[in-house]
Amino acid sequence: MQNTFSTIARFNYSSEAEIIKGRLEADGIKVFLKDNITIDTDPLVSNAIGGIKLNVLAKDEAKAKDILKSISSYALDDNGNALICPSCNSHSISLYSTINSFKSFFHFIIGILFGTLPFSARYEYKYDNCGAKIDSKHQAL
């Protein structure tokens, strides 16, 4: 059981996974990335195969999850201050891609039809607990 791997996170892009991998390895945790070569070769299959899996040894799972939680538990504004949701007082924020306009929908359809990456992508930040969106001035909407 000590030499089995456990998946603790999934990522859409290998660059995100490599950053977290480096952080975990700096703390002495052995990390194995699965499907990163496949997704680097063809990024469009990321959602189909479940993204890049970040695996650690089962004995290090709790420590790795604590480190991962400490990394993603807060975000900073332009002045270096932690962002706090005014609704739920949460620090935990995630980035989501979204199709919220005709332009982004059109580019999504073109990407599907021609098998290319989208020309334009929209992203938004949301607090994980309550789902409040953050505008460009880092305020909850």
Protein backbone atom coordinates (compact mmCIF):
# COMPACT_ATOMS: atom_id res chain seq x y z
CA MET A 1 0.00 0.00 0.00
CA GLN A 2 2.93 2.34 0.65
CA ASN A 3 4.08 2.30 -2.99
CA THR A 4 0.69 2.96 -4.59
CA PHE A 5 -0.17 6.34 -6.00
CA SER A 6 -3.18 8.44 -5.15
CA THR A 7 -4.59 11.19 -7.40
CA ILE A 8 -4.89 14.42 -5.40
CA ALA A 9 -5.59 16.96 -8.18
CA ARG A 10 -6.43 17.33 -11.86
CA PHE A 11 -5.36 20.13 -14.20
CA ASN A 12 -6.30 21.21 -17.73
CA TYR A 13 -2.78 22.37 -18.61
CA SER A 14 0.61 20.82 -17.90
CA SER A 15 2.07 24.19 -16.86
CA GLU A 16 -0.29 24.31 -13.87
CA ALA A 17 0.55 20.74 -12.93
CA GLU A 18 4.30 21.34 -13.25
CA ILE A 19 4.16 24.32 -10.87
CA ILE A 20 2.34 22.30 -8.21
CA LYS A 21 4.63 19.34 -8.84
CA GLY A 22 7.67 21.53 -8.19
CA ARG A 23 6.17 22.84 -4.96
CA LEU A 24 5.44 19.35 -3.68
CA GLU A 25 8.85 18.01 -4.67
CA ALA A 26 10.48 20.93 -2.83
CA ASP A 27 8.85 19.52 0.33
CA GLY A 28 10.20 16.03 -0.36
CA ILE A 29 7.03 14.49 -1.79
CA LYS A 30 7.43 12.20 -4.79
CA VAL A 31 5.05 13.26 -7.57
CA PHE A 32 3.95 11.50 -10.75
CA LEU A 33 2.01 13.27 -13.52
CA LYS A 34 -0.30 11.14 -15.63
CA ASP A 35 -1.58 12.04 -19.13
CA ASN A 36 0.54 15.21 -19.35
CA ILE A 37 2.26 14.09 -22.58
CA THR A 38 -1.08 13.23 -24.18
CA ILE A 39 -2.56 16.62 -23.33
CA ASP A 40 0.59 18.49 -24.40
CA THR A 41 0.29 16.72 -27.75
CA ASP A 42 -3.44 17.41 -28.16
CA PRO A 43 -4.90 19.91 -25.64
CA LEU A 44 -8.43 19.37 -26.93
CA VAL A 45 -8.63 15.93 -25.31
CA SER A 46 -8.02 17.30 -21.80
CA ASN A 47 -11.66 17.24 -20.73
CA ALA A 48 -12.29 13.92 -22.46
CA ILE A 49 -9.60 12.06 -20.49
CA GLY A 50 -10.07 13.93 -17.23
CA GLY A 51 -7.13 16.31 -17.42
CA ILE A 52 -3.62 15.84 -16.11
CA LYS A 53 -3.64 13.78 -12.94
CA LEU A 54 -1.25 14.74 -10.15
CA ASN A 55 -0.42 11.59 -8.20
CA VAL A 56 1.55 11.19 -4.97
CA LEU A 57 2.47 8.14 -2.92
CA ALA A 58 -0.42 7.05 -0.71
CA LYS A 59 1.67 7.59 2.43
CA ASP A 60 2.21 11.27 1.44
CA GLU A 61 -1.40 11.98 0.42
CA ALA A 62 -2.44 13.89 3.56
CA LYS A 63 0.68 16.08 3.58
CA ALA A 64 0.34 16.79 -0.16
CA LYS A 65 -3.33 17.74 0.20
CA ASP A 66 -2.46 20.13 3.01
CA ILE A 67 0.17 21.81 0.83
CA LEU A 68 -2.23 21.95 -2.12
CA LYS A 69 -4.91 23.46 0.10
CA SER A 70 -2.49 26.10 1.39
CA ILE A 71 -1.61 27.08 -2.18
CA SER A 72 -5.17 27.41 -3.47
CA SER A 73 -6.84 28.63 -0.29
CA TYR A 74 -6.39 32.33 -1.01
CA ALA A 75 -5.66 34.86 -3.73
CA LEU A 76 -4.09 38.30 -3.57
CA ASP A 77 -5.23 41.61 -4.99
CA ASP A 78 -2.94 44.07 -6.77
CA ASN A 79 -1.65 45.38 -3.43
CA GLY A 80 -0.76 41.95 -2.04
CA ASN A 81 -3.73 41.73 0.32
CA ALA A 82 -5.75 38.53 0.62
CA LEU A 83 -9.12 38.64 -1.16
CA ILE A 84 -12.04 37.95 1.14
CA CYS A 85 -15.59 37.39 -0.04
CA PRO A 86 -17.94 39.96 1.50
CA SER A 87 -20.79 37.43 1.47
CA CYS A 88 -19.23 34.35 3.05
CA ASN A 89 -15.80 35.58 4.32
CA SER A 90 -14.07 32.89 2.25
CA HIS A 91 -10.54 33.17 0.88
CA SER A 92 -10.86 30.23 -1.54
CA ILE A 93 -11.09 31.34 -5.18
CA SER A 94 -11.04 29.39 -8.45
CA LEU A 95 -10.67 30.37 -12.11
CA TYR A 96 -13.31 29.14 -14.56
CA SER A 97 -13.56 29.44 -18.32
CA THR A 98 -16.92 30.65 -19.51
CA ILE A 99 -18.89 31.35 -22.64
CA ASN A 100 -20.75 34.52 -21.75
CA SER A 101 -21.00 36.42 -25.04
CA PHE A 102 -21.79 35.81 -28.68
CA LYS A 103 -18.12 36.36 -29.58
CA SER A 104 -16.84 33.68 -27.20
CA PHE A 105 -19.61 31.28 -28.33
CA PHE A 106 -18.73 31.89 -32.00
CA HIS A 107 -15.04 31.20 -31.35
CA PHE A 108 -15.96 28.06 -29.42
CA ILE A 109 -18.03 26.76 -32.36
CA ILE A 110 -15.24 27.57 -34.86
CA GLY A 111 -12.80 25.67 -32.65
CA ILE A 112 -15.09 22.64 -32.55
CA LEU A 113 -15.79 22.64 -36.30
CA PHE A 114 -12.19 23.09 -37.43
CA GLY A 115 -10.41 21.28 -34.62
CA THR A 116 -8.42 24.33 -33.55
CA LEU A 117 -7.90 26.07 -30.29
CA PRO A 118 -10.32 28.91 -29.61
CA PHE A 119 -9.26 32.37 -30.76
CA SER A 120 -10.75 33.97 -27.70
CA ALA A 121 -11.49 32.67 -24.23
CA ARG A 122 -13.20 34.33 -21.30
CA TYR A 123 -12.32 33.54 -17.73
CA GLU A 124 -13.86 34.56 -14.46
CA TYR A 125 -12.94 34.11 -10.84
CA LYS A 126 -15.47 32.79 -8.34
CA TYR A 127 -15.39 32.20 -4.61
CA ASP A 128 -15.63 28.47 -4.01
CA ASN A 129 -18.03 28.58 -1.05
CA CYS A 130 -20.79 30.89 -2.28
CA GLY A 131 -20.10 31.19 -6.02
CA ALA A 132 -19.89 34.99 -6.03
CA LYS A 133 -18.06 36.29 -9.10
CA ILE A 134 -15.14 38.69 -8.89
CA ASP A 135 -14.92 41.58 -11.33
CA SER A 136 -11.70 43.06 -12.71
CA LYS A 137 -11.37 45.29 -9.66
CA HIS A 138 -11.31 42.19 -7.40
CA GLN A 139 -14.67 42.84 -5.80
CA ALA A 140 -17.42 40.28 -5.41
CA LEU A 141 -20.43 40.83 -7.66
